[in-house]
Amino acid sequence: MNVDLNKVLRSTIQTGNVLIGSKQTQKAVESNQAKAVVLASNCPEEVRSMLTGKVPIIDFPGMGVELGITCSKPFAIAAMAVVDPGDSDIMAVLKA
């Protein structure tokens, strides 16, 4: 299955519920709200290690700046929690 991750992320943000930022993502994972986590390729290792094994992780191939642009934000995003996928196919990315 060939999925355009940028398109899927935009759809998730528009129709679902996401939390942006390392601290908010960690809180969402700890409170079992996050269904999945999207991490930029340059996400700090300490953040990545805290999340690994607790929730499905989607590795965004670009840097945080590119993830920010994909999410229509004027800043870099290292981590993003998917609380509600909405009408997007973000959960299908995990199975691909």
PDB file of N, CA and C in Angstrom:
ATOM      1  N   MET A   1       0.852  -1.181   0.000  1.00  0.00           N
ATOM      2  CA  MET A   1       0.000   0.000   0.000  1.00  0.00           C
ATOM      3  C   MET A   1       0.890   1.235   0.000  1.00  0.00           C
ATOM      4  N   ASN A   2       0.767   2.057  -1.028  1.00  0.00           N
ATOM      5  CA  ASN A   2       1.567   3.267  -1.147  1.00  0.00           C
ATOM      6  C   ASN A   2       0.724   4.455  -0.690  1.00  0.00           C
ATOM      7  N   VAL A   3       1.093   5.042   0.454  1.00  0.00           N
ATOM      8  CA  VAL A   3       0.312   6.103   1.063  1.00  0.00           C
ATOM      9  C   VAL A   3       1.107   7.401   1.050  1.00  0.00           C
ATOM     10  N   ASP A   4       0.450   8.495   0.682  1.00  0.00           N
ATOM     11  CA  ASP A   4       1.068   9.813   0.746  1.00  0.00           C
ATOM     12  C   ASP A   4       0.920  10.315   2.179  1.00  0.00           C
ATOM     13  N   LEU A   5       1.985  10.195   2.957  1.00  0.00           N
ATOM     14  CA  LEU A   5       1.929  10.537   4.377  1.00  0.00           C
ATOM     15  C   LEU A   5       1.572  12.003   4.599  1.00  0.00           C
ATOM     16  N   ASN A   6       2.067  12.890   3.745  1.00  0.00           N
ATOM     17  CA  ASN A   6       1.734  14.309   3.890  1.00  0.00           C
ATOM     18  C   ASN A   6       0.232  14.537   3.768  1.00  0.00           C
ATOM     19  N   LYS A   7      -0.380  13.910   2.783  1.00  0.00           N
ATOM     20  CA  LYS A   7      -1.821  14.052   2.564  1.00  0.00           C
ATOM     21  C   LYS A   7      -2.607  13.464   3.743  1.00  0.00           C
ATOM     22  N   VAL A   8      -2.178  12.313   4.225  1.00  0.00           N
ATOM     23  CA  VAL A   8      -2.851  11.665   5.340  1.00  0.00           C
ATOM     24  C   VAL A   8      -2.746  12.518   6.603  1.00  0.00           C
ATOM     25  N   LEU A   9      -1.578  13.108   6.847  1.00  0.00           N
ATOM     26  CA  LEU A   9      -1.405  13.965   8.026  1.00  0.00           C
ATOM     27  C   LEU A   9      -2.294  15.198   7.946  1.00  0.00           C
ATOM     28  N   ARG A  10      -2.368  15.814   6.768  1.00  0.00           N
ATOM     29  CA  ARG A  10      -3.242  16.983   6.604  1.00  0.00           C
ATOM     30  C   ARG A  10      -4.699  16.616   6.890  1.00  0.00           C
ATOM     31  N   SER A  11      -5.117  15.471   6.398  1.00  0.00           N
ATOM     32  CA  SER A  11      -6.486  15.004   6.625  1.00  0.00           C
ATOM     33  C   SER A  11      -6.732  14.733   8.111  1.00  0.00           C
ATOM     34  N   THR A  12      -5.743  14.169   8.775  1.00  0.00           N
ATOM     35  CA  THR A  12      -5.869  13.895  10.209  1.00  0.00           C
ATOM     36  C   THR A  12      -6.038  15.185  10.992  1.00  0.00           C
ATOM     37  N   ILE A  13      -5.270  16.202  10.657  1.00  0.00           N
ATOM     38  CA  ILE A  13      -5.352  17.484  11.353  1.00  0.00           C
ATOM     39  C   ILE A  13      -6.691  18.162  11.094  1.00  0.00           C
ATOM     40  N   GLN A  14      -7.190  18.061   9.866  1.00  0.00           N
ATOM     41  CA  GLN A  14      -8.438  18.731   9.502  1.00  0.00           C
ATOM     42  C   GLN A  14      -9.673  18.032  10.079  1.00  0.00           C
ATOM     43  N   THR A  15      -9.672  16.710  10.113  1.00  0.00           N
ATOM     44  CA  THR A  15     -10.882  15.989  10.505  1.00  0.00           C
ATOM     45  C   THR A  15     -10.792  15.303  11.867  1.00  0.00           C
ATOM     46  N   GLY A  16      -9.580  15.183  12.395  1.00  0.00           N
ATOM     47  CA  GLY A  16      -9.404  14.475  13.662  1.00  0.00           C
ATOM     48  C   GLY A  16      -8.948  15.400  14.773  1.00  0.00           C
ATOM     49  N   ASN A  17      -8.243  14.831  15.721  1.00  0.00           N
ATOM     50  CA  ASN A  17      -7.730  15.580  16.859  1.00  0.00           C
ATOM     51  C   ASN A  17      -6.286  15.170  17.089  1.00  0.00           C
ATOM     52  N   VAL A  18      -5.385  16.134  17.032  1.00  0.00           N
ATOM     53  CA  VAL A  18      -3.967  15.868  17.262  1.00  0.00           C
ATOM     54  C   VAL A  18      -3.432  16.836  18.321  1.00  0.00           C
ATOM     55  N   LEU A  19      -2.380  16.414  18.973  1.00  0.00           N
ATOM     56  CA  LEU A  19      -1.667  17.264  19.912  1.00  0.00           C
ATOM     57  C   LEU A  19      -0.254  17.428  19.381  1.00  0.00           C
ATOM     58  N   ILE A  20       0.193  18.667  19.313  1.00  0.00           N
ATOM     59  CA  ILE A  20       1.489  18.968  18.709  1.00  0.00           C
ATOM     60  C   ILE A  20       2.484  19.364  19.789  1.00  0.00           C
ATOM     61  N   GLY A  21       3.680  18.809  19.674  1.00  0.00           N
ATOM     62  CA  GLY A  21       4.757  19.131  20.597  1.00  0.00           C
ATOM     63  C   GLY A  21       5.155  17.928  21.426  1.00  0.00           C
ATOM     64  N   SER A  22       6.425  17.882  21.800  1.00  0.00           N
ATOM     65  CA  SER A  22       6.951  16.734  22.548  1.00  0.00           C
ATOM     66  C   SER A  22       6.269  16.567  23.900  1.00  0.00           C
ATOM     67  N   LYS A  23       6.107  17.657  24.643  1.00  0.00           N
ATOM     68  CA  LYS A  23       5.516  17.553  25.984  1.00  0.00           C
ATOM     69  C   LYS A  23       4.063  17.111  25.926  1.00  0.00           C
ATOM     70  N   GLN A  24       3.287  17.711  25.017  1.00  0.00           N
ATOM     71  CA  GLN A  24       1.874  17.318  24.889  1.00  0.00           C
ATOM     72  C   GLN A  24       1.757  15.878  24.411  1.00  0.00           C
ATOM     73  N   THR A  25       2.651  15.466  23.514  1.00  0.00           N
ATOM     74  CA  THR A  25       2.636  14.095  23.010  1.00  0.00           C
ATOM     75  C   THR A  25       2.928  13.115  24.144  1.00  0.00           C
ATOM     76  N   GLN A  26       3.929  13.422  24.950  1.00  0.00           N
ATOM     77  CA  GLN A  26       4.259  12.551  26.083  1.00  0.00           C
ATOM     78  C   GLN A  26       3.095  12.449  27.058  1.00  0.00           C
ATOM     79  N   LYS A  27       2.425  13.563  27.339  1.00  0.00           N
ATOM     80  CA  LYS A  27       1.279  13.543  28.245  1.00  0.00           C
ATOM     81  C   LYS A  27       0.138  12.708  27.674  1.00  0.00           C
ATOM     82  N   ALA A  28      -0.088  12.826  26.367  1.00  0.00           N
ATOM     83  CA  ALA A  28      -1.158  12.056  25.718  1.00  0.00           C
ATOM     84  C   ALA A  28      -0.863  10.562  25.770  1.00  0.00           C
ATOM     85  N   VAL A  29       0.399  10.191  25.595  1.00  0.00           N
ATOM     86  CA  VAL A  29       0.777   8.779  25.659  1.00  0.00           C
ATOM     87  C   VAL A  29       0.625   8.260  27.090  1.00  0.00           C
ATOM     88  N   GLU A  30       1.087   9.032  28.060  1.00  0.00           N
ATOM     89  CA  GLU A  30       1.002   8.616  29.462  1.00  0.00           C
ATOM     90  C   GLU A  30      -0.442   8.480  29.938  1.00  0.00           C
ATOM     91  N   SER A  31      -1.347   9.293  29.403  1.00  0.00           N
ATOM     92  CA  SER A  31      -2.753   9.223  29.800  1.00  0.00           C
ATOM     93  C   SER A  31      -3.576   8.306  28.884  1.00  0.00           C
ATOM     94  N   ASN A  32      -2.894   7.563  28.021  1.00  0.00           N
ATOM     95  CA  ASN A  32      -3.531   6.615  27.093  1.00  0.00           C
ATOM     96  C   ASN A  32      -4.523   7.267  26.142  1.00  0.00           C
ATOM     97  N   GLN A  33      -4.320   8.544  25.806  1.00  0.00           N
ATOM     98  CA  GLN A  33      -5.173   9.220  24.837  1.00  0.00           C
ATOM     99  C   GLN A  33      -4.675   9.011  23.416  1.00  0.00           C
ATOM    100  N   ALA A  34      -3.374   8.884  23.243  1.00  0.00           N
ATOM    101  CA  ALA A  34      -2.776   8.806  21.905  1.00  0.00           C
ATOM    102  C   ALA A  34      -2.982   7.425  21.292  1.00  0.00           C
ATOM    103  N   LYS A  35      -3.500   7.415  20.076  1.00  0.00           N
ATOM    104  CA  LYS A  35      -3.657   6.163  19.336  1.00  0.00           C
ATOM    105  C   LYS A  35      -2.395   5.858  18.532  1.00  0.00           C
ATOM    106  N   ALA A  36      -1.665   6.919  18.180  1.00  0.00           N
ATOM    107  CA  ALA A  36      -0.412   6.787  17.450  1.00  0.00           C
ATOM    108  C   ALA A  36       0.377   8.078  17.644  1.00  0.00           C
ATOM    109  N   VAL A  37       1.661   8.013  17.327  1.00  0.00           N
ATOM    110  CA  VAL A  37       2.542   9.170  17.444  1.00  0.00           C
ATOM    111  C   VAL A  37       3.310   9.312  16.143  1.00  0.00           C
ATOM    112  N   VAL A  38       3.439  10.554  15.672  1.00  0.00           N
ATOM    113  CA  VAL A  38       4.239  10.851  14.486  1.00  0.00           C
ATOM    114  C   VAL A  38       5.494  11.555  14.978  1.00  0.00           C
ATOM    115  N   LEU A  39       6.665  11.016  14.602  1.00  0.00           N
ATOM    116  CA  LEU A  39       7.929  11.602  15.015  1.00  0.00           C
ATOM    117  C   LEU A  39       8.728  12.025  13.792  1.00  0.00           C
ATOM    118  N   ALA A  40       9.259  13.242  13.836  1.00  0.00           N
ATOM    119  CA  ALA A  40      10.127  13.728  12.765  1.00  0.00           C
ATOM    120  C   ALA A  40      11.451  12.972  12.827  1.00  0.00           C
ATOM    121  N   SER A  41      12.175  12.956  11.733  1.00  0.00           N
ATOM    122  CA  SER A  41      13.437  12.216  11.684  1.00  0.00           C
ATOM    123  C   SER A  41      14.473  12.784  12.653  1.00  0.00           C
ATOM    124  N   ASN A  42      14.355  14.064  12.982  1.00  0.00           N
ATOM    125  CA  ASN A  42      15.307  14.668  13.914  1.00  0.00           C
ATOM    126  C   ASN A  42      14.727  14.840  15.319  1.00  0.00           C
ATOM    127  N   CYS A  43      13.720  14.051  15.642  1.00  0.00           N
ATOM    128  CA  CYS A  43      13.140  14.093  16.981  1.00  0.00           C
ATOM    129  C   CYS A  43      14.227  13.706  17.984  1.00  0.00           C
ATOM    130  N   PRO A  44      14.332  14.448  19.097  1.00  0.00           N
ATOM    131  CA  PRO A  44      15.365  14.118  20.087  1.00  0.00           C
ATOM    132  C   PRO A  44      15.259  12.663  20.565  1.00  0.00           C
ATOM    133  N   GLU A  45      16.393  12.024  20.728  1.00  0.00           N
ATOM    134  CA  GLU A  45      16.434  10.610  21.103  1.00  0.00           C
ATOM    135  C   GLU A  45      15.751  10.351  22.447  1.00  0.00           C
ATOM    136  N   GLU A  46      15.853  11.287  23.399  1.00  0.00           N
ATOM    137  CA  GLU A  46      15.213  11.071  24.701  1.00  0.00           C
ATOM    138  C   GLU A  46      13.691  11.045  24.576  1.00  0.00           C
ATOM    139  N   VAL A  47      13.148  11.832  23.663  1.00  0.00           N
ATOM    140  CA  VAL A  47      11.696  11.816  23.425  1.00  0.00           C
ATOM    141  C   VAL A  47      11.320  10.504  22.757  1.00  0.00           C
ATOM    142  N   ARG A  48      12.060  10.123  21.742  1.00  0.00           N
ATOM    143  CA  ARG A  48      11.787   8.874  21.011  1.00  0.00           C
ATOM    144  C   ARG A  48      11.846   7.673  21.958  1.00  0.00           C
ATOM    145  N   SER A  49      12.844   7.626  22.819  1.00  0.00           N
ATOM    146  CA  SER A  49      12.997   6.471  23.710  1.00  0.00           C
ATOM    147  C   SER A  49      11.870   6.402  24.743  1.00  0.00           C
ATOM    148  N   MET A  50      11.340   7.551  25.175  1.00  0.00           N
ATOM    149  CA  MET A  50      10.243   7.553  26.137  1.00  0.00           C
ATOM    150  C   MET A  50       8.942   7.027  25.526  1.00  0.00           C
ATOM    151  N   LEU A  51       8.799   7.158  24.207  1.00  0.00           N
ATOM    152  CA  LEU A  51       7.556   6.779  23.539  1.00  0.00           C
ATOM    153  C   LEU A  51       7.602   5.379  22.933  1.00  0.00           C
ATOM    154  N   THR A  52       8.795   4.896  22.647  1.00  0.00           N
ATOM    155  CA  THR A  52       8.950   3.599  21.996  1.00  0.00           C
ATOM    156  C   THR A  52       8.380   2.477  22.855  1.00  0.00           C
ATOM    157  N   GLY A  53       7.548   1.668  22.242  1.00  0.00           N
ATOM    158  CA  GLY A  53       6.958   0.528  22.928  1.00  0.00           C
ATOM    159  C   GLY A  53       5.656   0.839  23.647  1.00  0.00           C
ATOM    160  N   LYS A  54       5.310   2.105  23.776  1.00  0.00           N
ATOM    161  CA  LYS A  54       4.089   2.471  24.491  1.00  0.00           C
ATOM    162  C   LYS A  54       2.921   2.716  23.557  1.00  0.00           C
ATOM    163  N   VAL A  55       3.226   3.120  22.322  1.00  0.00           N
ATOM    164  CA  VAL A  55       2.197   3.481  21.357  1.00  0.00           C
ATOM    165  C   VAL A  55       2.791   3.282  19.963  1.00  0.00           C
ATOM    166  N   PRO A  56       1.962   2.977  18.962  1.00  0.00           N
ATOM    167  CA  PRO A  56       2.499   2.856  17.598  1.00  0.00           C
ATOM    168  C   PRO A  56       3.149   4.164  17.139  1.00  0.00           C
ATOM    169  N   ILE A  57       4.303   4.047  16.505  1.00  0.00           N
ATOM    170  CA  ILE A  57       5.045   5.223  16.051  1.00  0.00           C
ATOM    171  C   ILE A  57       5.100   5.245  14.528  1.00  0.00           C
ATOM    172  N   ILE A  58       4.790   6.410  13.977  1.00  0.00           N
ATOM    173  CA  ILE A  58       4.918   6.641  12.540  1.00  0.00           C
ATOM    174  C   ILE A  58       6.130   7.547  12.363  1.00  0.00           C
ATOM    175  N   ASP A  59       7.130   7.061  11.653  1.00  0.00           N
ATOM    176  CA  ASP A  59       8.335   7.849  11.410  1.00  0.00           C
ATOM    177  C   ASP A  59       8.135   8.731  10.189  1.00  0.00           C
ATOM    178  N   PHE A  60       8.077  10.041  10.420  1.00  0.00           N
ATOM    179  CA  PHE A  60       7.982  10.998   9.323  1.00  0.00           C
ATOM    180  C   PHE A  60       9.367  11.100   8.703  1.00  0.00           C
ATOM    181  N   PRO A  61       9.489  10.953   7.379  1.00  0.00           N
ATOM    182  CA  PRO A  61      10.813  10.912   6.765  1.00  0.00           C
ATOM    183  C   PRO A  61      11.563  12.248   6.757  1.00  0.00           C
ATOM    184  N   GLY A  62      10.863  13.337   6.975  1.00  0.00           N
ATOM    185  CA  GLY A  62      11.508  14.649   6.932  1.00  0.00           C
ATOM    186  C   GLY A  62      11.853  15.164   8.316  1.00  0.00           C
ATOM    187  N   MET A  63      12.507  16.311   8.320  1.00  0.00           N
ATOM    188  CA  MET A  63      12.889  16.970   9.563  1.00  0.00           C
ATOM    189  C   MET A  63      11.660  17.645  10.183  1.00  0.00           C
ATOM    190  N   GLY A  64      11.812  18.159  11.397  1.00  0.00           N
ATOM    191  CA  GLY A  64      10.724  18.814  12.105  1.00  0.00           C
ATOM    192  C   GLY A  64      10.148  20.004  11.367  1.00  0.00           C
ATOM    193  N   VAL A  65      11.010  20.746  10.660  1.00  0.00           N
ATOM    194  CA  VAL A  65      10.537  21.899   9.886  1.00  0.00           C
ATOM    195  C   VAL A  65       9.579  21.434   8.791  1.00  0.00           C
ATOM    196  N   GLU A  66       9.917  20.336   8.137  1.00  0.00           N
ATOM    197  CA  GLU A  66       9.059  19.803   7.076  1.00  0.00           C
ATOM    198  C   GLU A  66       7.735  19.276   7.644  1.00  0.00           C
ATOM    199  N   LEU A  67       7.791  18.661   8.817  1.00  0.00           N
ATOM    200  CA  LEU A  67       6.566  18.197   9.459  1.00  0.00           C
ATOM    201  C   LEU A  67       5.690  19.391   9.827  1.00  0.00           C
ATOM    202  N   GLY A  68       6.304  20.462  10.290  1.00  0.00           N
ATOM    203  CA  GLY A  68       5.562  21.687  10.587  1.00  0.00           C
ATOM    204  C   GLY A  68       4.875  22.241   9.351  1.00  0.00           C
ATOM    205  N   ILE A  69       5.579  22.260   8.231  1.00  0.00           N
ATOM    206  CA  ILE A  69       5.009  22.753   6.972  1.00  0.00           C
ATOM    207  C   ILE A  69       3.837  21.860   6.537  1.00  0.00           C
ATOM    208  N   THR A  70       4.016  20.554   6.650  1.00  0.00           N
ATOM    209  CA  THR A  70       2.945  19.621   6.292  1.00  0.00           C
ATOM    210  C   THR A  70       1.702  19.866   7.137  1.00  0.00           C
ATOM    211  N   CYS A  71       1.910  20.224   8.401  1.00  0.00           N
ATOM    212  CA  CYS A  71       0.795  20.463   9.326  1.00  0.00           C
ATOM    213  C   CYS A  71       0.312  21.908   9.292  1.00  0.00           C
ATOM    214  N   SER A  72       0.819  22.705   8.341  1.00  0.00           N
ATOM    215  CA  SER A  72       0.447  24.121   8.185  1.00  0.00           C
ATOM    216  C   SER A  72       0.773  24.948   9.424  1.00  0.00           C
ATOM    217  N   LYS A  73       1.874  24.627  10.061  1.00  0.00           N
ATOM    218  CA  LYS A  73       2.321  25.372  11.238  1.00  0.00           C
ATOM    219  C   LYS A  73       3.605  26.123  10.894  1.00  0.00           C
ATOM    220  N   PRO A  74       3.767  27.334  11.455  1.00  0.00           N
ATOM    221  CA  PRO A  74       4.962  28.135  11.139  1.00  0.00           C
ATOM    222  C   PRO A  74       6.157  27.800  12.033  1.00  0.00           C
ATOM    223  N   PHE A  75       6.217  26.567  12.513  1.00  0.00           N
ATOM    224  CA  PHE A  75       7.317  26.163  13.382  1.00  0.00           C
ATOM    225  C   PHE A  75       7.604  24.680  13.182  1.00  0.00           C
ATOM    226  N   ALA A  76       8.749  24.247  13.681  1.00  0.00           N
ATOM    227  CA  ALA A  76       9.134  22.844  13.572  1.00  0.00           C
ATOM    228  C   ALA A  76       8.341  22.007  14.569  1.00  0.00           C
ATOM    229  N   ILE A  77       8.038  20.782  14.165  1.00  0.00           N
ATOM    230  CA  ILE A  77       7.326  19.844  15.027  1.00  0.00           C
ATOM    231  C   ILE A  77       8.162  18.569  15.119  1.00  0.00           C
ATOM    232  N   ALA A  78       8.590  18.237  16.328  1.00  0.00           N
ATOM    233  CA  ALA A  78       9.365  17.016  16.532  1.00  0.00           C
ATOM    234  C   ALA A  78       8.450  15.819  16.774  1.00  0.00           C
ATOM    235  N   ALA A  79       7.342  16.065  17.491  1.00  0.00           N
ATOM    236  CA  ALA A  79       6.438  14.970  17.836  1.00  0.00           C
ATOM    237  C   ALA A  79       4.993  15.449  17.787  1.00  0.00           C
ATOM    238  N   MET A  80       4.122  14.523  17.398  1.00  0.00           N
ATOM    239  CA  MET A  80       2.705  14.832  17.290  1.00  0.00           C
ATOM    240  C   MET A  80       1.915  13.582  17.679  1.00  0.00           C
ATOM    241  N   ALA A  81       0.946  13.741  18.568  1.00  0.00           N
ATOM    242  CA  ALA A  81       0.110  12.618  18.987  1.00  0.00           C
ATOM    243  C   ALA A  81      -1.216  12.643  18.239  1.00  0.00           C
ATOM    244  N   VAL A  82      -1.627  11.498  17.740  1.00  0.00           N
ATOM    245  CA  VAL A  82      -2.932  11.362  17.093  1.00  0.00           C
ATOM    246  C   VAL A  82      -3.902  10.838  18.154  1.00  0.00           C
ATOM    247  N   VAL A  83      -4.791  11.707  18.609  1.00  0.00           N
ATOM    248  CA  VAL A  83      -5.786  11.343  19.621  1.00  0.00           C
ATOM    249  C   VAL A  83      -7.009  10.742  18.941  1.00  0.00           C
ATOM    250  N   ASP A  84      -7.435  11.365  17.833  1.00  0.00           N
ATOM    251  CA  ASP A  84      -8.565  10.885  17.054  1.00  0.00           C
ATOM    252  C   ASP A  84      -8.199  11.004  15.578  1.00  0.00           C
ATOM    253  N   PRO A  85      -8.178   9.904  14.831  1.00  0.00           N
ATOM    254  CA  PRO A  85      -7.784   9.971  13.429  1.00  0.00           C
ATOM    255  C   PRO A  85      -8.793  10.661  12.516  1.00  0.00           C
ATOM    256  N   GLY A  86     -10.010  10.880  12.985  1.00  0.00           N
ATOM    257  CA  GLY A  86     -11.023  11.522  12.150  1.00  0.00           C
ATOM    258  C   GLY A  86     -11.320  10.676  10.929  1.00  0.00           C
ATOM    259  N   ASP A  87     -11.454  11.340   9.777  1.00  0.00           N
ATOM    260  CA  ASP A  87     -11.754  10.642   8.527  1.00  0.00           C
ATOM    261  C   ASP A  87     -10.500  10.245   7.758  1.00  0.00           C
ATOM    262  N   SER A  88      -9.345  10.378   8.377  1.00  0.00           N
ATOM    263  CA  SER A  88      -8.086  10.098   7.681  1.00  0.00           C
ATOM    264  C   SER A  88      -7.754   8.603   7.704  1.00  0.00           C
ATOM    265  N   ASP A  89      -6.755   8.253   6.920  1.00  0.00           N
ATOM    266  CA  ASP A  89      -6.272   6.872   6.851  1.00  0.00           C
ATOM    267  C   ASP A  89      -4.974   6.698   7.633  1.00  0.00           C
ATOM    268  N   ILE A  90      -4.763   7.520   8.651  1.00  0.00           N
ATOM    269  CA  ILE A  90      -3.485   7.505   9.386  1.00  0.00           C
ATOM    270  C   ILE A  90      -3.221   6.139  10.034  1.00  0.00           C
ATOM    271  N   MET A  91      -4.253   5.467  10.481  1.00  0.00           N
ATOM    272  CA  MET A  91      -4.044   4.161  11.122  1.00  0.00           C
ATOM    273  C   MET A  91      -3.646   3.099  10.099  1.00  0.00           C
ATOM    274  N   ALA A  92      -4.016   3.300   8.839  1.00  0.00           N
ATOM    275  CA  ALA A  92      -3.612   2.369   7.789  1.00  0.00           C
ATOM    276  C   ALA A  92      -2.119   2.458   7.528  1.00  0.00           C
ATOM    277  N   VAL A  93      -1.533   3.626   7.808  1.00  0.00           N
ATOM    278  CA  VAL A  93      -0.081   3.804   7.618  1.00  0.00           C
ATOM    279  C   VAL A  93       0.672   2.851   8.550  1.00  0.00           C
ATOM    280  N   LEU A  94       0.129   2.608   9.716  1.00  0.00           N
ATOM    281  CA  LEU A  94       0.775   1.720  10.682  1.00  0.00           C
ATOM    282  C   LEU A  94       0.831   0.290  10.174  1.00  0.00           C
ATOM    283  N   LYS A  95      -0.171  -0.112   9.404  1.00  0.00           N
ATOM    284  CA  LYS A  95      -0.247  -1.479   8.918  1.00  0.00           C
ATOM    285  C   LYS A  95       0.541  -1.671   7.628  1.00  0.00           C
ATOM    286  N   ALA A  96       0.899  -0.548   6.988  1.00  0.00           N
ATOM    287  CA  ALA A  96       1.595  -0.637   5.695  1.00  0.00           C
ATOM    288  C   ALA A  96       3.029  -1.067   5.877  1.00  0.00           C
TER     289      ALA A  96
END
